[in-house]
C-alpha cells in the first residue's frame, strides 16, 4: 500500500548525501514497484562500494542520491525502457547513465553483486564461497544497435544475436557471466569464463555441465584449474522435456533474467554493458530476498 511505502528523506544516509553534493538536488518519493523499500535499503547500504572520489582516485563528489540512482537502474532493467525515457522524478537520464557506466567500467556493479550474493549465502547457512556450481549458456536475439562484430548466428537455437555464458552456485546465484556473439561455442567461452570464476572463487572444485561441454574441456579444466567438470547427459531413451539433475538450477537463473524486460533481448552496444545488466538484474533479486529474510522492525 502506498501509505506503507517509506520515502527517501532529506536526511538520506547514502554516501552521496553524507559526503557529496546530493543534498543540493533534493530527493524523490518512491512510487514504482521496483523502488527499494526501507527494509531493502537497510540491507543494501552497508554493502555499497565506496566511490572513487572518496578513495582518493579523483573526480567530483557525486551530486545525486545513491538510492535514487539504484532505483532508476532497477526501473530501467525491469521495464526495458530506453535511457532517454527515464521518468522525470528520477535524476537526469544522462547522470544515471554516467553512474551505470562508472560502475560498469570500475567493476563496482560486480563488487556490489558479489557482496549481496555472499550475504544471501551466509543467511541461508552456507559458506560465502561456493564449492560447486553449474555452467550453461543462453542465446538471445540482439537489437539493431548491436554491431556485427559482437553478434552471430547460433545454429542450434536458430538465434541471431548474442549468447550469455553463466556459472551459478547450487542456489542458482550468479558466480560469473560472459557475453559473446551467439556463434561462439560453449567450450571456447567456458575456458575463459571458468578461468575468471576460478580466479575469484578459490574453493570451487566441481562444476556440472551439459553435453555441449564434453571433449577436451574436461581434461583442460582439471589440469588448468584443478576443477572437476562433471557432464550431465540426457539418456538416449528419454523423450520430450526432461529435468536433468543439477541442470535445472541454472534454468532458474535464466527464467529470472527473462522476467527483466531489458534482458528479453540484447539492447546493449557493448558486451560489458550486457554483462552489467545481468548483474543489475540479479542484485534486485537478492535485495528482495535479504529484505524478506530479515524484515525491518517498526
Foldseek 3Di string as FASTA:
>chain_A
DLVQADFQDLVHPACCSVPNAQNVVPGFGDDDPLQDGPLLCVVQRVLQDDDPVVVPNDDHRDHHDPSLLLSQLSCCQQVVDDLCPGDPRGPHSVSSVVVLVRCLVVVRLVSSLLVLQLVLQVLVVHHSFAAEKEKDKDDFAEDPLADPQFAAAQPVVRHTGKMWIFIAGLQLRTQWIFIGHNPDQPQVVCVVTVVVSCVPRVNHAEYEYEPSNDDCSQVVCCVPRVHHYHYFYDDPPDDDDDDTPSPVSNVVLVVQSCSRVSRNHPHDHDRSSVRSSSSSSSVSVSSVVSCVSPPDDD
